N, C-alpha and C. Protein backbone atom coordinates (compact mmCIF):
# COMPACT_ATOMS: atom_id res chain seq x y z
N MET A 1 0.46 -1.41 0.22
CA MET A 1 0.13 -0.12 0.21
C MET A 1 0.82 1.51 0.01
N LYS A 2 1.80 0.97 0.73
CA LYS A 2 2.85 2.74 1.06
C LYS A 2 3.21 3.01 -0.58
N ASP A 3 3.32 1.60 -1.11
CA ASP A 3 4.71 1.78 -2.62
C ASP A 3 3.58 2.53 -3.60
N ARG A 4 2.16 2.06 -3.32
CA ARG A 4 1.10 2.88 -4.31
C ARG A 4 1.08 4.06 -4.00
N THR A 5 1.02 4.66 -2.74
CA THR A 5 0.80 6.08 -2.38
C THR A 5 1.69 6.47 -2.96
N LYS A 6 3.42 6.15 -2.67
CA LYS A 6 4.39 7.41 -3.30
C LYS A 6 4.61 7.52 -4.63
N ILE A 7 3.75 6.24 -5.48
CA ILE A 7 3.41 6.65 -6.68
C ILE A 7 2.13 7.49 -7.33
N GLU A 8 1.48 7.79 -7.26
CA GLU A 8 0.22 8.05 -6.68
C GLU A 8 0.98 9.50 -6.83
N VAL A 9 1.62 9.98 -5.24
CA VAL A 9 2.02 11.47 -5.00
C VAL A 9 3.03 11.75 -6.06
N TYR A 10 4.16 10.73 -6.32
CA TYR A 10 5.11 11.30 -7.41
C TYR A 10 4.42 11.63 -8.79
N SER A 11 3.22 10.73 -9.05
CA SER A 11 2.59 10.99 -10.22
C SER A 11 1.73 12.41 -10.04
N TRP A 12 1.37 12.85 -9.08
CA TRP A 12 0.66 14.53 -8.73
C TRP A 12 1.71 15.64 -8.61
N LEU A 13 2.98 15.50 -8.59
CA LEU A 13 3.82 16.03 -8.30
C LEU A 13 4.53 16.10 -9.57
N LYS A 14 4.40 15.04 -10.43
CA LYS A 14 4.81 15.59 -11.86
C LYS A 14 3.81 16.02 -12.52
N SER A 15 2.85 16.22 -13.22
CA SER A 15 1.64 16.83 -12.90
C SER A 15 1.48 18.52 -12.66
N ILE A 16 1.69 18.40 -11.74
CA ILE A 16 2.16 20.18 -11.21
C ILE A 16 2.79 20.33 -11.62
N ALA A 17 4.25 20.09 -11.66
CA ALA A 17 5.51 20.87 -12.17
C ALA A 17 5.45 20.82 -13.61
N PHE A 18 5.00 19.90 -14.56
CA PHE A 18 4.84 19.68 -15.60
C PHE A 18 3.33 21.48 -15.66
N ALA A 19 2.43 21.19 -15.47
CA ALA A 19 1.54 22.56 -15.59
C ALA A 19 2.08 23.81 -15.32
N PHE A 20 3.54 23.68 -14.11
CA PHE A 20 3.89 24.97 -13.79
C PHE A 20 4.57 25.79 -14.87
N ILE A 21 5.23 24.54 -15.40
CA ILE A 21 6.91 24.52 -16.36
C ILE A 21 5.56 25.72 -17.67
N ILE A 22 4.74 24.64 -18.30
CA ILE A 22 4.16 25.06 -19.21
C ILE A 22 3.57 26.40 -19.18
N SER A 23 2.88 26.74 -17.61
CA SER A 23 2.08 28.18 -17.76
C SER A 23 3.18 29.08 -18.03
N VAL A 24 4.66 28.75 -17.19
CA VAL A 24 5.31 29.79 -17.04
C VAL A 24 6.30 30.26 -18.41
N LEU A 25 6.16 29.00 -19.20
CA LEU A 25 6.35 29.30 -21.01
C LEU A 25 5.49 29.69 -21.45
N CYS A 26 3.97 29.71 -20.96
CA CYS A 26 3.29 30.56 -22.18
C CYS A 26 3.46 31.83 -21.66
N ARG A 27 3.03 32.43 -20.34
CA ARG A 27 3.30 33.82 -19.94
C ARG A 27 4.61 34.43 -20.39
N GLN A 28 5.52 33.39 -20.85
CA GLN A 28 6.92 34.44 -21.18
C GLN A 28 6.65 34.39 -22.95
N PHE A 29 6.86 33.44 -23.34
CA PHE A 29 6.94 33.82 -24.52
C PHE A 29 5.29 34.05 -25.61
N ILE A 30 4.33 33.66 -25.45
CA ILE A 30 3.02 33.50 -25.88
C ILE A 30 1.86 34.51 -25.32
N PHE A 31 1.64 35.02 -24.21
CA PHE A 31 0.81 35.61 -23.84
C PHE A 31 1.29 36.13 -22.63
N THR A 32 0.39 36.73 -21.96
CA THR A 32 0.80 37.66 -20.99
C THR A 32 -0.57 38.48 -19.92
N PRO A 33 -1.12 38.32 -18.98
CA PRO A 33 -2.20 39.08 -18.55
C PRO A 33 -1.55 40.23 -18.10
N THR A 34 -2.47 41.27 -18.42
CA THR A 34 -1.75 43.14 -17.43
C THR A 34 -3.11 43.62 -16.82
N THR A 35 -3.21 44.53 -16.75
CA THR A 35 -4.05 45.55 -15.53
C THR A 35 -3.91 46.79 -16.55
N VAL A 36 -5.23 47.47 -16.83
CA VAL A 36 -5.21 48.95 -17.35
C VAL A 36 -5.10 49.73 -16.35
N PHE A 37 -4.19 51.19 -16.19
CA PHE A 37 -4.43 52.01 -15.37
C PHE A 37 -3.95 53.65 -15.77
N GLY A 38 -5.37 54.24 -15.65
CA GLY A 38 -5.34 55.55 -16.36
C GLY A 38 -6.32 55.49 -17.01
N GLU A 39 -6.59 56.60 -18.47
CA GLU A 39 -7.63 57.17 -18.60
C GLU A 39 -7.59 57.26 -20.46
N SER A 40 -6.32 57.32 -20.74
CA SER A 40 -6.16 57.27 -21.84
C SER A 40 -6.34 56.66 -22.95
N MET A 41 -7.27 55.33 -22.58
CA MET A 41 -8.05 54.53 -23.65
C MET A 41 -8.89 54.81 -23.94
N SER A 42 -9.85 55.25 -23.01
CA SER A 42 -11.00 55.64 -22.84
C SER A 42 -11.97 56.05 -23.50
N PRO A 43 -13.19 55.82 -24.49
CA PRO A 43 -13.96 54.54 -23.74
C PRO A 43 -13.60 52.91 -24.11
N ALA A 44 -12.59 52.74 -24.82
CA ALA A 44 -12.15 51.49 -25.02
C ALA A 44 -11.65 50.89 -24.06
N PHE A 45 -10.98 51.06 -22.86
CA PHE A 45 -10.48 50.42 -21.78
C PHE A 45 -10.74 51.16 -20.13
N GLN A 46 -11.20 50.47 -19.34
CA GLN A 46 -10.92 51.76 -18.31
C GLN A 46 -10.05 51.18 -17.49
N GLU A 47 -10.33 52.10 -15.99
CA GLU A 47 -8.89 52.05 -15.23
C GLU A 47 -8.98 50.17 -14.78
N ASN A 48 -8.47 49.65 -14.35
CA ASN A 48 -8.59 48.53 -13.82
C ASN A 48 -9.36 47.05 -14.59
N ASP A 49 -9.10 47.42 -16.11
CA ASP A 49 -9.95 46.44 -16.85
C ASP A 49 -8.82 45.76 -16.98
N GLY A 50 -8.92 43.99 -17.13
CA GLY A 50 -8.09 42.85 -17.26
C GLY A 50 -8.02 42.39 -18.50
N LEU A 51 -6.81 42.53 -19.10
CA LEU A 51 -6.25 42.18 -20.50
C LEU A 51 -5.69 41.40 -20.48
N ILE A 52 -5.90 40.20 -21.76
CA ILE A 52 -4.68 39.73 -22.01
C ILE A 52 -3.79 40.01 -23.51
N VAL A 53 -2.90 40.09 -23.46
CA VAL A 53 -1.79 40.49 -24.37
C VAL A 53 -0.72 39.66 -25.53
N SER A 54 -1.50 39.46 -26.15
CA SER A 54 -0.26 38.13 -27.52
C SER A 54 1.16 38.48 -27.46
N LYS A 55 1.88 37.77 -27.25
CA LYS A 55 3.44 38.48 -27.46
C LYS A 55 3.45 37.75 -28.69
N MET A 56 3.05 36.99 -29.57
CA MET A 56 3.01 36.64 -30.74
C MET A 56 2.68 37.21 -32.06
N SER A 57 1.70 38.26 -31.83
CA SER A 57 1.13 38.98 -32.90
C SER A 57 2.08 40.05 -33.88
N GLU A 58 2.05 40.23 -35.34
CA GLU A 58 2.41 41.32 -36.09
C GLU A 58 1.60 42.75 -35.73
N ILE A 59 2.41 43.55 -35.25
CA ILE A 59 2.21 45.07 -34.97
C ILE A 59 1.41 45.70 -36.58
N GLN A 60 0.42 46.21 -36.46
CA GLN A 60 -0.40 46.62 -37.73
C GLN A 60 -0.95 47.52 -36.86
N ARG A 61 -1.30 48.86 -38.17
CA ARG A 61 -1.75 50.09 -37.40
C ARG A 61 -3.25 49.52 -36.68
N PHE A 62 -3.38 50.51 -35.66
CA PHE A 62 -4.50 50.83 -35.14
C PHE A 62 -4.79 49.36 -34.34
N ASP A 63 -3.63 48.72 -34.17
CA ASP A 63 -3.36 47.86 -32.93
C ASP A 63 -3.40 48.90 -31.92
N ILE A 64 -4.08 48.28 -30.25
CA ILE A 64 -3.52 48.36 -29.39
C ILE A 64 -2.71 47.67 -28.75
N ILE A 65 -1.42 47.95 -28.40
CA ILE A 65 -0.62 47.70 -27.75
C ILE A 65 -0.12 47.83 -26.22
N VAL A 66 0.46 47.01 -25.67
CA VAL A 66 0.85 47.21 -24.72
C VAL A 66 2.78 47.31 -24.52
N PHE A 67 3.35 48.52 -24.04
CA PHE A 67 4.86 48.59 -24.21
C PHE A 67 5.33 48.66 -22.88
N ASP A 68 6.42 49.22 -22.80
CA ASP A 68 7.80 49.70 -21.70
C ASP A 68 7.59 51.29 -22.09
N ALA A 69 7.37 51.80 -20.81
CA ALA A 69 6.74 53.14 -20.81
C ALA A 69 8.72 53.55 -20.90
N PRO A 70 8.41 54.58 -21.93
CA PRO A 70 9.67 54.95 -22.50
C PRO A 70 10.43 56.30 -21.49
N ASP A 71 9.55 56.97 -20.63
CA ASP A 71 10.24 57.71 -19.25
C ASP A 71 9.71 57.63 -18.12
N SER A 72 8.72 56.35 -18.14
CA SER A 72 9.38 55.76 -16.39
C SER A 72 9.36 54.59 -16.05
N LYS A 73 10.09 54.16 -15.67
CA LYS A 73 11.24 52.56 -15.41
C LYS A 73 9.90 51.68 -14.77
N GLY A 74 9.88 51.25 -15.22
CA GLY A 74 9.24 49.24 -14.97
C GLY A 74 7.84 49.79 -14.91
N GLU A 75 7.25 50.70 -16.09
CA GLU A 75 5.35 50.87 -16.00
C GLU A 75 5.19 50.62 -17.50
N HIS A 76 4.00 50.22 -17.79
CA HIS A 76 3.73 49.76 -18.79
C HIS A 76 2.85 50.86 -19.42
N TYR A 77 2.74 51.28 -20.64
CA TYR A 77 1.88 51.96 -21.13
C TYR A 77 1.00 51.06 -22.21
N ILE A 78 -0.31 51.80 -22.59
CA ILE A 78 -1.29 50.81 -23.40
C ILE A 78 -1.96 51.74 -24.40
N LYS A 79 -1.71 51.89 -26.01
CA LYS A 79 -1.78 53.12 -26.94
C LYS A 79 -2.50 51.79 -28.28
N ARG A 80 -2.88 53.06 -29.03
CA ARG A 80 -3.23 53.00 -30.31
C ARG A 80 -1.84 53.11 -31.23
N VAL A 81 -1.49 51.86 -32.09
CA VAL A 81 -0.54 52.57 -32.88
C VAL A 81 -1.07 53.36 -33.88
N ILE A 82 -1.01 54.12 -34.11
CA ILE A 82 -0.98 55.13 -35.59
C ILE A 82 -0.18 55.11 -36.70
N GLY A 83 1.23 55.17 -36.28
CA GLY A 83 2.38 55.35 -37.14
C GLY A 83 3.25 53.93 -37.29
N LEU A 84 3.41 53.51 -38.55
CA LEU A 84 4.61 52.52 -38.68
C LEU A 84 5.83 53.04 -39.55
N PRO A 85 6.53 52.23 -39.08
CA PRO A 85 8.18 52.76 -40.14
C PRO A 85 7.92 52.79 -41.46
N GLY A 86 8.38 54.04 -41.82
CA GLY A 86 7.99 54.95 -43.19
C GLY A 86 6.90 56.05 -42.86
N ASP A 87 6.03 55.56 -42.74
CA ASP A 87 5.28 56.42 -42.45
C ASP A 87 5.44 58.21 -42.55
N ARG A 88 4.58 58.81 -43.25
CA ARG A 88 4.48 60.10 -42.78
C ARG A 88 2.83 60.43 -42.39
N MET A 89 3.32 61.34 -41.19
CA MET A 89 1.86 61.44 -40.51
C MET A 89 1.32 62.93 -40.23
N GLU A 90 0.48 63.39 -40.04
CA GLU A 90 -0.10 65.18 -39.56
C GLU A 90 -1.27 64.83 -38.74
N MET A 91 -1.98 65.53 -38.25
CA MET A 91 -3.47 65.63 -38.11
C MET A 91 -3.50 67.67 -38.34
N LYS A 92 -4.93 67.21 -38.91
CA LYS A 92 -5.12 68.64 -39.63
C LYS A 92 -6.88 68.39 -39.36
N ASN A 93 -7.47 69.36 -38.26
CA ASN A 93 -8.94 70.05 -38.01
C ASN A 93 -9.32 68.12 -37.44
N ASP A 94 -8.74 67.83 -36.87
CA ASP A 94 -9.07 66.26 -35.95
C ASP A 94 -9.56 64.86 -37.22
N VAL A 95 -8.37 65.37 -38.43
CA VAL A 95 -8.56 64.19 -39.30
C VAL A 95 -6.55 63.73 -39.50
N LEU A 96 -6.75 62.62 -39.17
CA LEU A 96 -5.65 61.99 -39.81
C LEU A 96 -5.11 62.01 -40.96
N TYR A 97 -4.17 61.86 -41.25
CA TYR A 97 -3.69 61.47 -42.74
C TYR A 97 -2.28 61.20 -42.19
N ILE A 98 -2.47 59.67 -43.58
CA ILE A 98 -1.15 58.75 -43.26
C ILE A 98 -0.67 58.98 -44.50
N ASN A 99 0.39 59.45 -44.99
CA ASN A 99 0.97 59.38 -46.08
C ASN A 99 -0.01 60.25 -47.43
N GLY A 100 -0.53 60.94 -47.21
CA GLY A 100 -1.24 61.68 -47.26
C GLY A 100 -2.93 61.53 -47.56
N LYS A 101 -3.19 60.57 -46.82
CA LYS A 101 -4.53 59.55 -46.97
C LYS A 101 -5.31 60.00 -46.00
N ALA A 102 -6.23 60.70 -45.87
CA ALA A 102 -7.07 60.68 -44.89
C ALA A 102 -7.76 59.61 -44.14
N LEU A 103 -7.32 59.31 -43.15
CA LEU A 103 -8.08 57.75 -42.73
C LEU A 103 -9.27 57.67 -41.89
N PRO A 104 -10.02 57.20 -41.53
CA PRO A 104 -11.05 56.87 -40.45
C PRO A 104 -10.54 56.47 -39.14
N GLU A 105 -10.93 57.24 -37.81
CA GLU A 105 -10.57 56.93 -36.70
C GLU A 105 -12.15 56.51 -35.66
N PRO A 106 -12.65 55.29 -36.13
CA PRO A 106 -14.09 55.09 -35.26
C PRO A 106 -14.74 55.10 -34.24
N TYR A 107 -12.38 54.92 -33.84
CA TYR A 107 -12.53 54.12 -32.10
C TYR A 107 -12.59 55.48 -31.02
N LEU A 108 -12.68 56.75 -32.11
CA LEU A 108 -12.97 58.17 -31.65
C LEU A 108 -14.32 59.06 -31.71
N ILE A 109 -15.10 58.43 -32.12
CA ILE A 109 -16.27 58.50 -32.02
C ILE A 109 -17.07 59.20 -30.97
N GLU A 110 -17.58 58.32 -30.07
CA GLU A 110 -17.43 58.83 -28.65
C GLU A 110 -17.05 59.30 -27.98
N ASN A 111 -15.82 59.70 -27.94
CA ASN A 111 -14.71 60.74 -27.51
C ASN A 111 -14.95 62.14 -27.75
N LYS A 112 -15.29 62.02 -29.40
CA LYS A 112 -15.42 63.47 -30.26
C LYS A 112 -17.67 63.63 -30.00
N LYS A 113 -17.91 63.18 -29.56
CA LYS A 113 -19.20 63.01 -29.16
C LYS A 113 -19.53 64.32 -27.98
N GLU A 114 -18.60 64.13 -27.15
CA GLU A 114 -18.26 64.68 -25.87
C GLU A 114 -18.05 65.41 -25.78
N ASN A 115 -16.85 66.01 -26.49
CA ASN A 115 -15.88 67.33 -26.70
C ASN A 115 -16.74 68.15 -28.04
N ILE A 116 -18.05 68.46 -28.21
CA ILE A 116 -18.21 69.01 -29.38
C ILE A 116 -17.54 70.30 -29.91
N PHE A 117 -17.05 70.60 -28.79
CA PHE A 117 -16.49 72.19 -28.83
C PHE A 117 -15.34 72.46 -29.48
N ASN A 118 -14.68 71.30 -29.04
CA ASN A 118 -12.89 71.69 -28.98
C ASN A 118 -12.98 70.59 -29.92
N LYS A 119 -11.36 70.45 -30.69
CA LYS A 119 -11.33 69.16 -31.69
C LYS A 119 -10.25 68.27 -30.35
N LEU A 120 -10.46 66.94 -30.90
CA LEU A 120 -9.96 66.32 -29.97
C LEU A 120 -8.26 66.35 -30.41
N THR A 121 -7.90 66.46 -31.42
CA THR A 121 -6.20 65.85 -31.19
C THR A 121 -5.75 67.34 -31.97
N GLU A 122 -5.13 68.01 -31.63
CA GLU A 122 -4.07 69.04 -31.80
C GLU A 122 -3.78 68.71 -33.27
N ASP A 123 -3.77 70.06 -34.59
CA ASP A 123 -2.66 69.66 -35.33
C ASP A 123 -1.60 69.70 -35.49
N PHE A 124 -1.14 68.46 -35.61
CA PHE A 124 0.71 68.64 -36.19
C PHE A 124 1.00 67.51 -36.88
N SER A 125 2.41 68.15 -37.54
CA SER A 125 2.94 66.75 -38.02
C SER A 125 4.34 66.15 -37.48
N LEU A 126 4.32 64.91 -38.09
CA LEU A 126 5.61 64.08 -37.66
C LEU A 126 6.60 65.38 -37.26
N GLN A 127 7.04 66.06 -38.05
CA GLN A 127 8.41 66.89 -38.53
C GLN A 127 8.18 67.92 -37.55
N GLU A 128 6.96 68.62 -36.95
CA GLU A 128 6.91 69.47 -35.86
C GLU A 128 7.06 68.61 -34.28
N ARG A 129 6.86 67.41 -34.51
CA ARG A 129 6.16 66.60 -32.95
C ARG A 129 8.21 66.41 -32.71
N THR A 130 8.46 65.81 -33.64
CA THR A 130 9.67 65.24 -33.22
C THR A 130 11.47 65.50 -34.22
N GLY A 131 10.53 66.11 -35.19
CA GLY A 131 12.00 66.61 -35.75
C GLY A 131 12.10 65.89 -37.38
N VAL A 132 11.45 64.82 -37.63
CA VAL A 132 11.55 64.05 -38.76
C VAL A 132 10.01 63.97 -39.59
N SER A 133 10.13 63.82 -41.12
CA SER A 133 9.46 63.49 -41.19
C SER A 133 8.12 62.07 -41.42
N LYS A 134 9.79 61.26 -41.33
CA LYS A 134 9.06 59.92 -41.52
C LYS A 134 9.16 58.54 -40.06
N VAL A 135 8.35 58.38 -39.98
CA VAL A 135 8.54 57.27 -38.44
C VAL A 135 9.66 56.55 -39.07
N PRO A 136 10.76 56.27 -38.11
CA PRO A 136 11.80 55.83 -38.25
C PRO A 136 11.86 54.24 -38.51
N GLU A 137 12.74 53.28 -39.23
CA GLU A 137 12.34 52.18 -39.35
C GLU A 137 12.87 51.22 -37.29
N GLY A 138 12.10 50.23 -37.23
CA GLY A 138 11.78 49.88 -35.52
C GLY A 138 11.02 50.84 -34.83
N MET A 139 10.80 51.33 -35.12
CA MET A 139 9.75 52.58 -34.35
C MET A 139 8.18 52.48 -34.65
N LEU A 140 7.81 52.84 -33.38
CA LEU A 140 6.05 53.31 -33.43
C LEU A 140 5.58 54.58 -33.47
N PHE A 141 4.99 55.47 -33.98
CA PHE A 141 4.11 56.18 -33.42
C PHE A 141 2.21 55.87 -32.27
N VAL A 142 2.80 56.46 -31.31
CA VAL A 142 1.32 55.48 -30.69
C VAL A 142 0.16 56.75 -29.91
N MET A 143 -0.30 56.71 -30.22
CA MET A 143 -1.36 57.50 -29.33
C MET A 143 -2.44 56.96 -28.58
N GLY A 144 -3.20 57.35 -27.51
CA GLY A 144 -4.18 56.81 -26.90
C GLY A 144 -5.48 57.56 -27.42
N ASP A 145 -6.71 56.86 -27.36
CA ASP A 145 -8.00 57.40 -27.65
C ASP A 145 -8.42 58.56 -27.15
N ASN A 146 -8.01 58.60 -25.48
CA ASN A 146 -8.46 59.49 -25.09
C ASN A 146 -7.76 60.74 -24.75
N ARG A 147 -7.78 61.82 -26.06
CA ARG A 147 -6.38 62.14 -26.89
C ARG A 147 -6.45 63.35 -25.77
N LEU A 148 -7.03 64.16 -25.13
CA LEU A 148 -7.25 64.94 -24.20
C LEU A 148 -6.12 64.91 -23.24
N LYS A 149 -6.52 63.41 -22.89
CA LYS A 149 -6.02 63.10 -21.55
C LYS A 149 -4.87 62.17 -21.55
N SER A 150 -3.86 61.93 -23.07
CA SER A 150 -3.21 60.42 -22.85
C SER A 150 -1.53 61.30 -22.89
N LYS A 151 -0.92 60.59 -22.66
CA LYS A 151 0.44 60.73 -22.56
C LYS A 151 1.61 59.44 -23.42
N ASP A 152 1.07 60.07 -24.93
CA ASP A 152 1.61 59.38 -25.85
C ASP A 152 2.51 59.67 -26.30
N SER A 153 2.88 59.93 -27.72
CA SER A 153 4.02 59.80 -28.60
C SER A 153 4.02 61.32 -29.22
N ARG A 154 3.27 62.23 -28.85
CA ARG A 154 3.17 63.43 -28.81
C ARG A 154 4.27 64.00 -27.82
N SER A 155 4.17 63.27 -27.03
CA SER A 155 5.17 64.09 -25.54
C SER A 155 5.99 63.50 -25.70
N PHE A 156 6.61 62.00 -25.60
CA PHE A 156 7.48 61.22 -25.54
C PHE A 156 8.50 60.81 -26.80
N GLY A 157 7.83 60.82 -27.92
CA GLY A 157 8.41 60.70 -28.96
C GLY A 157 8.30 59.30 -29.68
N TYR A 158 8.63 58.37 -30.52
CA TYR A 158 8.51 57.40 -30.69
C TYR A 158 9.14 56.29 -30.30
N ILE A 159 8.38 55.09 -30.12
CA ILE A 159 8.39 53.90 -29.24
C ILE A 159 9.04 52.86 -30.09
N SER A 160 10.10 51.95 -29.20
CA SER A 160 10.75 51.07 -30.31
C SER A 160 10.22 49.65 -30.74
N TYR A 161 9.96 48.89 -31.62
CA TYR A 161 9.66 47.60 -31.35
C TYR A 161 9.84 46.56 -30.25
N ASP A 162 11.25 47.19 -30.03
CA ASP A 162 11.84 46.40 -29.17
C ASP A 162 10.85 46.26 -27.31
N SER A 163 10.56 47.78 -27.67
CA SER A 163 9.91 48.16 -25.88
C SER A 163 8.15 47.31 -26.02
N VAL A 164 7.73 46.66 -26.73
CA VAL A 164 6.97 46.14 -27.35
C VAL A 164 6.65 45.60 -26.45
N ILE A 165 5.36 44.74 -25.40
CA ILE A 165 5.07 43.37 -24.72
C ILE A 165 4.33 42.70 -25.71
N GLY A 166 3.14 43.32 -26.47
CA GLY A 166 2.33 42.63 -27.19
C GLY A 166 0.82 43.15 -27.61
N GLU A 167 0.37 42.83 -28.11
CA GLU A 167 -1.30 43.17 -28.67
C GLU A 167 -2.23 42.40 -27.85
N VAL A 168 -3.16 43.92 -27.60
CA VAL A 168 -4.01 43.37 -26.56
C VAL A 168 -5.42 42.43 -27.51
N LYS A 169 -5.36 41.33 -26.90
CA LYS A 169 -6.30 40.67 -27.89
C LYS A 169 -7.54 40.27 -27.01
N PHE A 170 -7.78 40.16 -25.73
CA PHE A 170 -8.51 39.59 -24.71
C PHE A 170 -9.01 40.23 -23.52
N ARG A 171 -10.48 41.01 -23.05
CA ARG A 171 -10.74 41.49 -21.59
C ARG A 171 -11.08 40.31 -20.88
N ILE A 172 -10.24 39.59 -20.12
CA ILE A 172 -10.84 38.90 -19.24
C ILE A 172 -11.57 39.86 -17.68
N TYR A 173 -11.53 40.88 -17.86
CA TYR A 173 -12.19 41.93 -16.63
C TYR A 173 -12.86 43.23 -17.15
N PRO A 174 -14.15 43.66 -16.28
CA PRO A 174 -14.94 42.88 -15.69
C PRO A 174 -16.08 42.10 -16.78
N LEU A 175 -15.83 41.30 -15.86
CA LEU A 175 -17.08 40.13 -16.22
C LEU A 175 -17.56 40.75 -17.35
N GLN A 176 -18.76 41.60 -17.33
CA GLN A 176 -19.90 41.77 -18.27
C GLN A 176 -19.34 42.59 -19.63
N GLU A 177 -18.12 42.82 -19.20
CA GLU A 177 -17.36 43.11 -20.84
C GLU A 177 -16.73 42.27 -21.00
N ILE A 178 -16.03 41.12 -20.63
CA ILE A 178 -15.21 39.68 -21.06
C ILE A 178 -15.20 39.38 -23.40
N GLY A 179 -14.65 39.39 -23.39
CA GLY A 179 -14.91 39.04 -24.45
C GLY A 179 -13.20 39.98 -25.94
N ILE A 180 -13.36 39.56 -26.70
CA ILE A 180 -12.52 40.76 -27.94
C ILE A 180 -12.97 42.40 -27.40
N PRO A 181 -11.81 42.53 -27.58
CA PRO A 181 -11.98 44.25 -27.36
C PRO A 181 -12.46 44.88 -28.91
N GLN A 182 -13.41 45.91 -29.07
CA GLN A 182 -13.62 46.76 -30.80
C GLN A 182 -12.00 47.48 -30.73
C-alpha cells in the first residue's frame, strides 16, 4: 500500500510541475495578463480592466499594444498604433492623414461626441513633433484614444518595437465586458 501511495504522490507532483512549467513558458513567450491604469484609452478600456496580451502578434496600424513606458522605469503603457515605420503622418482639423491619405478613426466617435466644441486632437505633423518627417525603421508612433488625457508619442516620441510587450487580444475583466475588444 505504501508503494502505491508513493507512486500516486509522485504522479501528482510530476503533473503539477509540468503544468507550472507550461504556464511559465506560455506567459514568457505566448501571452501575458495585464491591467489598465489610467484613462488614456477610454472609452475602449477603463481603469482596472484586465486584459490578455499576445506576445506573438505582428503589429499593424490601429492595433492596441502594451509597451514599456519610455519615460518611466518599470511601468507599461497601453496605446493605439497610429504610425508604422516609413509613414508620414499629420493631424489637421481632427483628421488623421497617413502618407497624404485621410484615414477614419471610428474608435474616437464617442470621445468626439463628448467634446463637441473643441478638437479632440491638436494639429501637428511628425516633423513638428519629432524633427523627422517619417516614422523611423524599428519605431512606432502611438496615441491614446482619449487624446485630451493621453501621454503618448506626441509627448515622449517614438517607441521601439523592442519595447512592445504585445497586442491586446482579450478582455477578462470586468466580467460583463469579457471578450475580444473592439
